[in-house]
Amino acid sequence: MNQSAAIVLGVIGADCHAVGNKIIDNVLTREGFRVVNLGVMVSQDEFIDAAIETGAKAILVSSIYGHGEIDCIGLRDRCVERGLDDVLLYVGGNLVIGKRGFDEVEAQFREMGFDRVFAPTADLVQVSALLKHDVASRS
């Protein structure tokens, strides 16, 4: 893998939870990625614009406030419409409101076009290893 592969990171929608976003940024930077961190309250178009501008290999969407299932609807289609057919889409956090098993949540987001879905307890070093693998597989 190109160790300086650009990835776009941000917290989607009206979510203003910043701490986890900064932790993800630090881990992925340490693991060799060039992280373009858009911060919090990021729209779908802001993610896509940043990915286009930087030639990012992946968009990593975080959501902690539970509205990820609403905020992420149509993101894959918007990426395709804008020419990002091959961009990796990762999503993680507390993605839905209510008690649902992670298998159900993962299936829902995979159906929405996300390549990988992570629970809030995901090991970020393992996430980085998967991301390296996935980026290399698409290159």
Foldseek 3Di string as FASTA:
>chain_A
DQLAAEEEEEEEAQAQDFPVSVVLVVVSVVSRYNYDYPHYRDALVNQLVVCVVRVHQEYEYEYAPACQLVRLACSQVVNVVVPNPRRAYEYEYNHHPDDDDVVVVQVSVVVSPHPYYYYNPDDSVVVSVVVVVSSVVSD
